[in-house]
N, C-alpha and C. Protein backbone atom coordinates (compact mmCIF):
# COMPACT_ATOMS: atom_id res chain seq x y z
N MET A 1 6.66 2.43 16.52
CA MET A 1 6.74 3.09 17.50
C MET A 1 5.98 2.61 18.61
N SER A 2 6.63 2.92 19.95
CA SER A 2 6.50 2.46 21.26
C SER A 2 6.08 3.65 22.09
N THR A 3 5.07 3.43 23.26
CA THR A 3 4.71 4.45 24.26
C THR A 3 5.87 4.06 25.20
N GLU A 4 5.74 4.70 26.40
CA GLU A 4 6.92 4.72 27.70
C GLU A 4 6.67 3.19 28.27
N ASN A 5 5.50 2.62 28.19
CA ASN A 5 5.16 1.52 29.03
C ASN A 5 6.04 0.16 27.65
N ASN A 6 6.22 0.71 26.63
CA ASN A 6 6.64 -0.50 25.54
C ASN A 6 5.52 -1.17 25.38
N LEU A 7 4.51 -0.58 24.84
CA LEU A 7 3.16 -1.11 24.04
C LEU A 7 3.43 -0.52 22.94
N PRO A 8 3.06 -1.17 21.67
CA PRO A 8 3.34 -0.70 20.41
C PRO A 8 2.15 0.32 20.24
N GLN A 9 2.34 1.17 19.53
CA GLN A 9 1.14 2.19 18.98
C GLN A 9 1.13 1.78 17.64
N PHE A 10 -0.22 1.83 16.71
CA PHE A 10 -0.87 1.72 15.78
C PHE A 10 -1.32 2.79 15.20
N SER A 11 -0.76 3.23 13.77
CA SER A 11 -1.49 3.93 13.86
C SER A 11 -2.92 3.52 12.40
N ILE A 12 -3.96 3.92 12.71
CA ILE A 12 -5.31 3.64 11.58
C ILE A 12 -5.67 4.84 10.67
N CYS A 13 -5.94 4.31 9.65
CA CYS A 13 -6.58 5.17 8.58
C CYS A 13 -7.37 4.75 8.01
N ILE A 14 -8.55 4.78 8.03
CA ILE A 14 -9.64 4.38 6.97
C ILE A 14 -10.22 5.73 6.00
N LEU A 15 -9.69 4.96 4.50
CA LEU A 15 -10.10 6.03 3.58
C LEU A 15 -11.21 4.99 2.49
N GLU A 16 -12.36 5.47 1.97
CA GLU A 16 -12.73 4.95 0.94
C GLU A 16 -11.93 5.01 -0.20
N GLU A 17 -12.22 4.27 -1.52
CA GLU A 17 -11.64 4.18 -2.78
C GLU A 17 -11.84 5.37 -3.41
N GLN A 18 -13.34 6.08 -3.46
CA GLN A 18 -13.27 7.14 -3.71
C GLN A 18 -12.27 8.80 -3.33
N THR A 19 -11.95 8.46 -2.09
CA THR A 19 -10.95 9.23 -1.59
C THR A 19 -9.87 9.56 -2.82
N GLN A 20 -9.56 10.59 -2.42
CA GLN A 20 -8.36 11.04 -3.95
C GLN A 20 -7.32 11.93 -2.77
N LEU A 21 -5.87 11.32 -3.40
CA LEU A 21 -4.67 11.75 -2.82
C LEU A 21 -3.62 12.31 -3.63
N THR A 22 -3.65 13.42 -3.10
CA THR A 22 -2.41 14.22 -3.93
C THR A 22 -1.08 13.70 -3.44
N LEU A 23 0.13 13.61 -4.57
CA LEU A 23 1.06 13.46 -4.15
C LEU A 23 1.77 13.58 -2.85
N ASP A 24 1.67 14.88 -2.40
CA ASP A 24 1.91 15.21 -0.68
C ASP A 24 1.33 14.83 0.34
N ASP A 25 0.18 14.41 -0.11
CA ASP A 25 -1.20 13.85 0.72
C ASP A 25 -0.27 12.81 0.96
N LEU A 26 -0.03 11.54 0.19
CA LEU A 26 0.75 10.33 0.29
C LEU A 26 1.85 10.34 0.82
N CYS A 27 3.00 11.43 0.43
CA CYS A 27 3.93 11.39 1.07
C CYS A 27 4.02 11.93 2.37
N HIS A 28 3.08 12.50 2.82
CA HIS A 28 2.92 12.75 4.24
C HIS A 28 2.40 11.75 5.24
N ALA A 29 1.54 10.87 4.36
CA ALA A 29 0.65 9.52 5.04
C ALA A 29 1.48 8.65 5.19
N CYS A 30 2.81 8.40 4.30
CA CYS A 30 3.65 7.54 4.47
C CYS A 30 5.23 7.75 5.25
N ALA A 31 5.15 9.24 5.25
CA ALA A 31 6.46 9.81 5.90
C ALA A 31 7.64 9.59 5.25
N VAL A 32 7.23 9.48 3.92
CA VAL A 32 8.30 9.16 2.73
C VAL A 32 8.38 10.46 1.97
N ARG A 33 9.81 10.78 1.12
CA ARG A 33 9.56 12.01 0.47
C ARG A 33 8.82 11.39 -1.00
N ALA A 34 8.40 12.65 -2.43
CA ALA A 34 7.90 12.13 -3.29
C ALA A 34 8.92 11.28 -4.39
N GLU A 35 10.23 11.41 -4.07
CA GLU A 35 10.93 10.63 -4.68
C GLU A 35 10.53 8.66 -4.71
N GLN A 36 10.17 8.41 -3.55
CA GLN A 36 10.15 7.08 -2.95
C GLN A 36 8.60 6.66 -3.76
N ILE A 37 7.29 8.13 -3.58
CA ILE A 37 6.19 7.51 -4.49
C ILE A 37 6.46 7.64 -5.55
N ILE A 38 7.34 8.23 -6.28
CA ILE A 38 7.16 8.10 -7.75
C ILE A 38 8.19 6.75 -8.10
N GLU A 39 9.20 6.19 -7.39
CA GLU A 39 9.54 5.01 -7.53
C GLU A 39 8.38 4.05 -7.40
N LEU A 40 7.34 4.02 -6.55
CA LEU A 40 6.23 3.20 -6.62
C LEU A 40 5.65 3.25 -7.66
N VAL A 41 5.26 4.43 -8.58
CA VAL A 41 4.65 4.42 -9.04
C VAL A 41 5.44 3.66 -10.43
N ASP A 42 6.49 4.16 -10.82
CA ASP A 42 7.88 3.55 -12.03
C ASP A 42 7.35 1.70 -11.72
N VAL A 43 7.47 1.37 -10.62
CA VAL A 43 7.62 -0.07 -10.49
C VAL A 43 6.11 -1.00 -10.82
N GLY A 44 4.91 0.13 -10.66
CA GLY A 44 3.71 -0.40 -10.67
C GLY A 44 3.27 -0.56 -9.42
N VAL A 45 3.45 -0.34 -8.57
CA VAL A 45 2.82 -0.52 -7.04
C VAL A 45 1.55 0.36 -7.09
N LEU A 46 1.95 1.74 -7.33
CA LEU A 46 0.78 2.47 -7.54
C LEU A 46 0.38 3.02 -8.88
N GLU A 47 -0.55 3.35 -9.03
CA GLU A 47 -1.06 4.12 -10.38
C GLU A 47 -2.09 5.27 -10.08
N PRO A 48 -1.22 6.49 -10.88
CA PRO A 48 -2.04 7.88 -10.48
C PRO A 48 -3.33 7.67 -11.27
N LEU A 49 -4.20 8.86 -10.70
CA LEU A 49 -5.64 8.27 -11.75
C LEU A 49 -5.74 9.19 -12.74
N GLY A 50 -4.48 10.07 -12.85
CA GLY A 50 -4.95 10.87 -14.32
C GLY A 50 -3.51 11.59 -14.34
N ARG A 51 -3.43 12.57 -15.08
CA ARG A 51 -1.95 13.09 -15.44
C ARG A 51 -1.23 14.16 -14.19
N GLU A 52 -0.09 14.73 -14.81
CA GLU A 52 0.41 15.66 -12.88
C GLU A 52 -0.28 16.54 -13.09
N PRO A 53 -1.26 17.15 -12.11
CA PRO A 53 -0.66 16.63 -10.97
C PRO A 53 -1.15 15.31 -10.49
N TRP A 54 -0.54 14.30 -10.23
CA TRP A 54 -0.99 13.02 -9.42
C TRP A 54 -1.75 13.31 -8.53
N GLU A 55 -2.91 12.64 -8.67
CA GLU A 55 -3.74 12.20 -7.54
C GLU A 55 -3.95 10.66 -7.53
N PHE A 56 -4.19 9.89 -6.43
CA PHE A 56 -4.05 8.72 -6.27
C PHE A 56 -5.52 8.23 -5.58
N GLY A 57 -5.69 6.83 -5.68
CA GLY A 57 -7.06 6.21 -5.04
C GLY A 57 -6.83 6.30 -3.61
N GLY A 58 -7.99 6.13 -2.67
CA GLY A 58 -7.63 5.97 -1.19
C GLY A 58 -6.98 4.42 -0.95
N ALA A 59 -7.13 3.30 -2.01
CA ALA A 59 -6.91 2.28 -1.92
C ALA A 59 -5.07 2.72 -1.83
N SER A 60 -4.45 3.92 -2.52
CA SER A 60 -2.88 3.51 -2.80
C SER A 60 -2.49 4.07 -1.59
N LEU A 61 -2.93 4.30 -0.58
CA LEU A 61 -2.00 4.24 0.39
C LEU A 61 -1.93 3.03 1.28
N GLN A 62 -3.07 2.06 1.36
CA GLN A 62 -2.72 0.85 1.81
C GLN A 62 -1.27 0.18 1.24
N ARG A 63 -1.58 0.33 -0.45
CA ARG A 63 -0.42 -0.45 -1.08
C ARG A 63 1.14 0.02 -0.67
N ALA A 64 0.98 1.53 -0.79
CA ALA A 64 2.11 2.01 -0.41
C ALA A 64 2.80 2.10 0.80
N ARG A 65 2.07 1.71 1.77
CA ARG A 65 2.48 1.57 2.82
C ARG A 65 2.81 0.15 3.09
N LEU A 66 2.06 -0.97 2.54
CA LEU A 66 2.87 -2.12 2.40
C LEU A 66 4.01 -2.61 2.12
N ALA A 67 3.98 -1.93 0.45
CA ALA A 67 5.21 -1.79 -0.33
C ALA A 67 6.14 -1.41 0.39
N LEU A 68 6.05 -0.31 0.95
CA LEU A 68 7.06 0.32 1.93
C LEU A 68 7.73 -0.19 3.11
N ARG A 69 6.83 -0.95 3.76
CA ARG A 69 7.01 -1.94 4.81
C ARG A 69 8.09 -3.19 4.46
N LEU A 70 7.32 -3.99 3.44
CA LEU A 70 8.14 -4.96 2.70
C LEU A 70 9.82 -4.63 2.34
N HIS A 71 9.65 -3.44 1.72
CA HIS A 71 11.14 -2.75 1.29
C HIS A 71 12.13 -2.65 2.65
N HIS A 72 11.50 -1.82 3.48
CA HIS A 72 12.41 -1.78 4.90
C HIS A 72 12.47 -2.96 5.40
N ASP A 73 11.58 -3.76 6.04
CA ASP A 73 11.51 -4.35 6.88
C ASP A 73 12.15 -6.17 6.49
N LEU A 74 11.87 -6.13 5.40
CA LEU A 74 12.46 -7.24 4.64
C LEU A 74 13.50 -7.40 3.73
N ASP A 75 13.90 -5.89 3.70
CA ASP A 75 15.05 -5.47 2.42
C ASP A 75 14.96 -6.07 1.04
N ILE A 76 13.72 -5.92 0.88
CA ILE A 76 12.84 -6.31 -0.61
C ILE A 76 13.27 -5.26 -1.72
N ASP A 77 13.59 -5.07 -2.80
CA ASP A 77 13.55 -4.02 -3.45
C ASP A 77 12.20 -3.89 -4.07
N LEU A 78 12.19 -2.26 -4.31
CA LEU A 78 10.69 -2.02 -4.67
C LEU A 78 9.82 -2.67 -6.05
N ALA A 79 10.74 -3.10 -6.99
CA ALA A 79 9.85 -4.38 -7.90
C ALA A 79 9.88 -5.70 -7.24
N GLY A 80 10.60 -6.00 -6.18
CA GLY A 80 10.19 -7.73 -5.29
C GLY A 80 8.80 -6.85 -4.50
N ALA A 81 8.51 -6.01 -4.23
CA ALA A 81 7.55 -5.41 -3.38
C ALA A 81 6.20 -5.55 -4.21
N ALA A 82 6.39 -5.27 -5.44
CA ALA A 82 5.54 -5.01 -6.36
C ALA A 82 5.01 -6.43 -6.64
N LEU A 83 5.67 -7.18 -6.74
CA LEU A 83 5.53 -8.88 -7.00
C LEU A 83 4.66 -9.08 -6.16
N ALA A 84 5.52 -9.08 -4.84
CA ALA A 84 4.40 -9.70 -3.59
C ALA A 84 2.90 -9.20 -3.19
N LEU A 85 3.00 -7.86 -3.66
CA LEU A 85 1.61 -7.10 -3.43
C LEU A 85 0.71 -7.79 -4.56
N GLU A 86 1.35 -8.26 -5.87
CA GLU A 86 0.54 -8.95 -6.88
C GLU A 86 0.07 -10.26 -6.29
N LEU A 87 0.71 -10.75 -5.88
CA LEU A 87 1.03 -12.20 -5.19
C LEU A 87 -0.19 -12.36 -4.11
N LEU A 88 -0.21 -11.51 -3.37
CA LEU A 88 -0.99 -11.54 -1.80
C LEU A 88 -2.21 -10.74 -2.63
N GLU A 89 -2.86 -10.08 -3.68
CA GLU A 89 -3.60 -9.51 -3.92
C GLU A 89 -4.61 -11.09 -4.64
N GLU A 90 -3.65 -11.47 -5.69
CA GLU A 90 -4.22 -12.88 -6.15
C GLU A 90 -4.85 -14.06 -5.37
N ILE A 91 -3.59 -14.15 -3.81
CA ILE A 91 -4.30 -15.09 -2.95
C ILE A 91 -5.83 -14.68 -2.33
N ASN A 92 -5.81 -13.51 -1.87
CA ASN A 92 -7.21 -12.61 -1.71
C ASN A 92 -7.86 -13.02 -2.75
N THR A 93 -7.90 -13.21 -3.87
CA THR A 93 -8.93 -13.45 -4.95
C THR A 93 -9.46 -14.89 -4.59
N LEU A 94 -8.47 -15.66 -4.99
CA LEU A 94 -8.70 -17.20 -4.91
C LEU A 94 -9.26 -17.71 -3.82
N ARG A 95 -9.09 -16.57 -2.60
CA ARG A 95 -9.89 -17.38 -1.03
C ARG A 95 -11.00 -16.91 -1.41
N THR A 96 -11.52 -15.36 -2.09
CA THR A 96 -12.86 -15.45 -1.77
C THR A 96 -13.57 -15.96 -3.01
N ARG A 97 -13.30 -16.30 -4.03
CA ARG A 97 -13.63 -17.57 -4.85
C ARG A 97 -14.13 -18.57 -4.22
N LEU A 98 -13.21 -19.19 -3.05
CA LEU A 98 -12.99 -20.51 -2.48
C LEU A 98 -14.21 -20.37 -1.65
N HIS A 99 -14.32 -19.08 -1.11
CA HIS A 99 -15.62 -18.83 0.24
C HIS A 99 -16.67 -18.76 -0.69
N ALA A 100 -16.91 -18.32 -1.83
CA ALA A 100 -18.26 -18.32 -2.47
C ALA A 100 -18.64 -19.05 -2.79
N VAL A 101 -17.94 -20.24 -3.21
CA VAL A 101 -18.58 -21.43 -3.57
C VAL A 101 -18.71 -22.82 -2.46
N GLY A 102 -18.38 -22.11 -1.02
CA GLY A 102 -18.62 -22.82 -0.04
C GLY A 102 -17.28 -23.52 0.33
N VAL A 103 -16.55 -23.42 -0.04
CA VAL A 103 -14.98 -24.05 0.60
C VAL A 103 -14.35 -23.43 1.60
N GLU A 104 -14.15 -24.08 2.63
CA GLU A 104 -13.44 -23.14 3.53
C GLU A 104 -11.82 -23.24 3.94
N ASP A 105 -11.11 -22.52 4.35
CA ASP A 105 -9.51 -22.71 4.04
C ASP A 105 -9.24 -23.66 5.22
């Protein structure tokens, strides 16, 4: 998204994990159709909190947006995006552990 002066515009959304989003909420926030969110559930990117009607935790919005961005920008299929998200989370976990024991990057 760009403004008239060609500076990028950013969309910021802060949600707590306890926030619950419906399927429609998630579709609207990600600007996609329900089929794409369902695909993200099918490949393991997102996990609904219960049975239908589906609700998702607040962290699901960030995961969905990142997976969709990987899919769109890098032309990675959704299963590949799910794997990339897993690996990124593992890296973050390892960095946190290193930081906890006093080792810096």
